[in-house]
Amino acid sequence: MLLDEPFTGVDAAVRESIVAVLDDLKRAGMTVLASTHDLGLATRQFELVLLLNRHVVGYGPPSKS
């Protein structure tokens, strides 16, 4: 599944609902690609993160520190 900024313009309750659906899809074995500017959410929610700034700045599992 490809999602473009799925968390933009939604309140915290809707964001948590989207996160819950994404967790269910992950458990079902689905691959989810999502773009977001929310780096905090990306590091909490996704196993791998790709950072772009006209070229690849970083890729891999996010640091949890």
N, C-alpha and C. Protein backbone atom coordinates (compact mmCIF):
# COMPACT_ATOMS: atom_id res chain seq x y z
N MET A 1 0.84 -1.14 0.00
CA MET A 1 0.00 0.00 0.00
C MET A 1 0.90 1.23 0.00
N LEU A 2 0.55 2.21 -0.80
CA LEU A 2 1.31 3.46 -0.89
C LEU A 2 0.44 4.59 -0.36
N LEU A 3 0.95 5.29 0.66
CA LEU A 3 0.20 6.38 1.29
C LEU A 3 1.02 7.67 1.19
N ASP A 4 0.39 8.73 0.71
CA ASP A 4 1.05 10.02 0.60
C ASP A 4 0.52 10.94 1.70
N GLU A 5 1.34 11.21 2.71
CA GLU A 5 1.00 12.08 3.82
C GLU A 5 -0.33 11.70 4.49
N PRO A 6 -0.47 10.44 4.93
CA PRO A 6 -1.75 10.02 5.51
C PRO A 6 -2.09 10.68 6.84
N PHE A 7 -1.13 11.32 7.49
CA PHE A 7 -1.37 11.92 8.80
C PHE A 7 -1.57 13.42 8.75
N THR A 8 -1.50 14.01 7.57
CA THR A 8 -1.63 15.45 7.42
C THR A 8 -3.09 15.87 7.55
N GLY A 9 -3.33 16.87 8.39
CA GLY A 9 -4.67 17.44 8.50
C GLY A 9 -5.64 16.63 9.34
N VAL A 10 -5.14 15.67 10.09
CA VAL A 10 -6.03 14.88 10.94
C VAL A 10 -5.70 15.14 12.41
N ASP A 11 -6.69 14.95 13.27
CA ASP A 11 -6.44 15.16 14.69
C ASP A 11 -5.79 13.91 15.29
N ALA A 12 -5.43 13.99 16.55
CA ALA A 12 -4.70 12.90 17.22
C ALA A 12 -5.50 11.60 17.23
N ALA A 13 -6.81 11.68 17.42
CA ALA A 13 -7.63 10.47 17.47
C ALA A 13 -7.63 9.76 16.11
N VAL A 14 -7.77 10.52 15.04
CA VAL A 14 -7.76 9.92 13.70
C VAL A 14 -6.37 9.37 13.39
N ARG A 15 -5.33 10.10 13.77
CA ARG A 15 -3.95 9.62 13.55
C ARG A 15 -3.75 8.27 14.23
N GLU A 16 -4.22 8.14 15.46
CA GLU A 16 -4.08 6.86 16.17
C GLU A 16 -4.89 5.76 15.51
N SER A 17 -6.04 6.10 14.94
CA SER A 17 -6.84 5.11 14.20
C SER A 17 -6.10 4.64 12.95
N ILE A 18 -5.47 5.57 12.25
CA ILE A 18 -4.70 5.21 11.06
C ILE A 18 -3.53 4.31 11.46
N VAL A 19 -2.84 4.66 12.54
CA VAL A 19 -1.72 3.85 13.02
C VAL A 19 -2.20 2.44 13.36
N ALA A 20 -3.36 2.32 13.98
CA ALA A 20 -3.90 1.00 14.33
C ALA A 20 -4.19 0.18 13.07
N VAL A 21 -4.74 0.82 12.06
CA VAL A 21 -5.00 0.11 10.79
C VAL A 21 -3.68 -0.33 10.16
N LEU A 22 -2.67 0.54 10.17
CA LEU A 22 -1.36 0.18 9.61
C LEU A 22 -0.74 -0.98 10.38
N ASP A 23 -0.89 -1.00 11.69
CA ASP A 23 -0.39 -2.12 12.50
C ASP A 23 -1.09 -3.42 12.10
N ASP A 24 -2.41 -3.36 11.89
CA ASP A 24 -3.16 -4.55 11.47
C ASP A 24 -2.68 -5.04 10.10
N LEU A 25 -2.45 -4.11 9.18
CA LEU A 25 -1.98 -4.49 7.85
C LEU A 25 -0.59 -5.13 7.93
N LYS A 26 0.26 -4.59 8.78
CA LYS A 26 1.60 -5.14 8.96
C LYS A 26 1.51 -6.58 9.47
N ARG A 27 0.67 -6.79 10.47
CA ARG A 27 0.51 -8.15 11.01
C ARG A 27 -0.04 -9.11 9.96
N ALA A 28 -0.82 -8.58 9.02
CA ALA A 28 -1.38 -9.40 7.94
C ALA A 28 -0.37 -9.65 6.82
N GLY A 29 0.82 -9.04 6.93
CA GLY A 29 1.87 -9.28 5.95
C GLY A 29 1.92 -8.28 4.81
N MET A 30 1.17 -7.21 4.90
CA MET A 30 1.16 -6.22 3.83
C MET A 30 2.33 -5.25 3.99
N THR A 31 2.93 -4.87 2.88
CA THR A 31 3.96 -3.84 2.86
C THR A 31 3.28 -2.49 2.71
N VAL A 32 3.70 -1.54 3.55
CA VAL A 32 3.14 -0.20 3.50
C VAL A 32 4.28 0.79 3.29
N LEU A 33 4.15 1.62 2.25
CA LEU A 33 5.07 2.73 2.01
C LEU A 33 4.30 4.01 2.27
N ALA A 34 4.85 4.87 3.10
CA ALA A 34 4.16 6.12 3.43
C ALA A 34 5.14 7.28 3.41
N SER A 35 4.69 8.40 2.86
CA SER A 35 5.50 9.62 2.93
C SER A 35 4.96 10.45 4.09
N THR A 36 5.86 11.08 4.82
CA THR A 36 5.46 11.96 5.91
C THR A 36 6.58 12.93 6.23
N HIS A 37 6.20 14.09 6.73
CA HIS A 37 7.18 15.06 7.22
C HIS A 37 7.33 14.94 8.73
N ASP A 38 6.55 14.07 9.35
CA ASP A 38 6.57 13.88 10.80
C ASP A 38 7.63 12.83 11.15
N LEU A 39 8.85 13.29 11.40
CA LEU A 39 9.95 12.36 11.66
C LEU A 39 9.75 11.59 12.96
N GLY A 40 9.14 12.22 13.96
CA GLY A 40 8.88 11.51 15.21
C GLY A 40 7.96 10.33 15.00
N LEU A 41 6.88 10.56 14.27
CA LEU A 41 5.94 9.47 13.97
C LEU A 41 6.62 8.40 13.13
N ALA A 42 7.41 8.81 12.16
CA ALA A 42 8.10 7.84 11.29
C ALA A 42 9.01 6.93 12.10
N THR A 43 9.74 7.50 13.06
CA THR A 43 10.66 6.67 13.85
C THR A 43 9.92 5.76 14.81
N ARG A 44 8.73 6.17 15.26
CA ARG A 44 7.95 5.32 16.16
C ARG A 44 7.17 4.24 15.42
N GLN A 45 6.70 4.54 14.22
CA GLN A 45 5.75 3.67 13.54
C GLN A 45 6.37 2.69 12.54
N PHE A 46 7.47 3.06 11.91
CA PHE A 46 7.96 2.27 10.79
C PHE A 46 9.29 1.60 11.09
N GLU A 47 9.46 0.41 10.54
CA GLU A 47 10.68 -0.38 10.76
C GLU A 47 11.87 0.17 9.99
N LEU A 48 11.62 0.71 8.81
CA LEU A 48 12.66 1.29 7.97
C LEU A 48 12.23 2.69 7.56
N VAL A 49 13.21 3.59 7.47
CA VAL A 49 12.93 4.97 7.09
C VAL A 49 13.92 5.37 6.00
N LEU A 50 13.42 6.10 5.01
CA LEU A 50 14.24 6.65 3.94
C LEU A 50 14.12 8.16 4.02
N LEU A 51 15.25 8.84 4.23
CA LEU A 51 15.26 10.30 4.29
C LEU A 51 15.80 10.84 2.97
N LEU A 52 15.03 11.73 2.36
CA LEU A 52 15.41 12.30 1.07
C LEU A 52 15.52 13.81 1.17
N ASN A 53 16.52 14.36 0.50
CA ASN A 53 16.66 15.79 0.29
C ASN A 53 17.36 15.95 -1.06
N ARG A 54 16.61 15.71 -2.11
CA ARG A 54 17.09 15.66 -3.49
C ARG A 54 17.95 14.45 -3.77
N HIS A 55 18.44 13.80 -2.72
CA HIS A 55 19.15 12.53 -2.84
C HIS A 55 18.99 11.80 -1.50
N VAL A 56 19.41 10.58 -1.44
CA VAL A 56 19.26 9.80 -0.21
C VAL A 56 20.19 10.35 0.87
N VAL A 57 19.61 10.76 1.97
CA VAL A 57 20.36 11.27 3.11
C VAL A 57 20.60 10.13 4.10
N GLY A 58 19.61 9.26 4.24
CA GLY A 58 19.74 8.15 5.16
C GLY A 58 18.71 7.09 4.85
N TYR A 59 19.04 5.87 5.20
CA TYR A 59 18.11 4.76 5.02
C TYR A 59 18.44 3.68 6.02
N GLY A 60 17.41 3.12 6.62
CA GLY A 60 17.60 2.01 7.53
C GLY A 60 16.62 2.07 8.68
N PRO A 61 16.84 1.22 9.67
CA PRO A 61 15.96 1.28 10.84
C PRO A 61 16.20 2.57 11.61
N PRO A 62 15.11 3.21 12.06
CA PRO A 62 15.29 4.48 12.77
C PRO A 62 15.92 4.27 14.13
N SER A 63 16.68 5.24 14.55
CA SER A 63 17.25 5.21 15.90
C SER A 63 16.14 5.48 16.89
N LYS A 64 16.06 4.69 17.93
CA LYS A 64 15.00 4.86 18.95
C LYS A 64 15.48 5.72 20.10
N SER A 65 16.66 6.27 20.03
CA SER A 65 17.16 7.10 21.14
C SER A 65 16.76 8.54 21.02
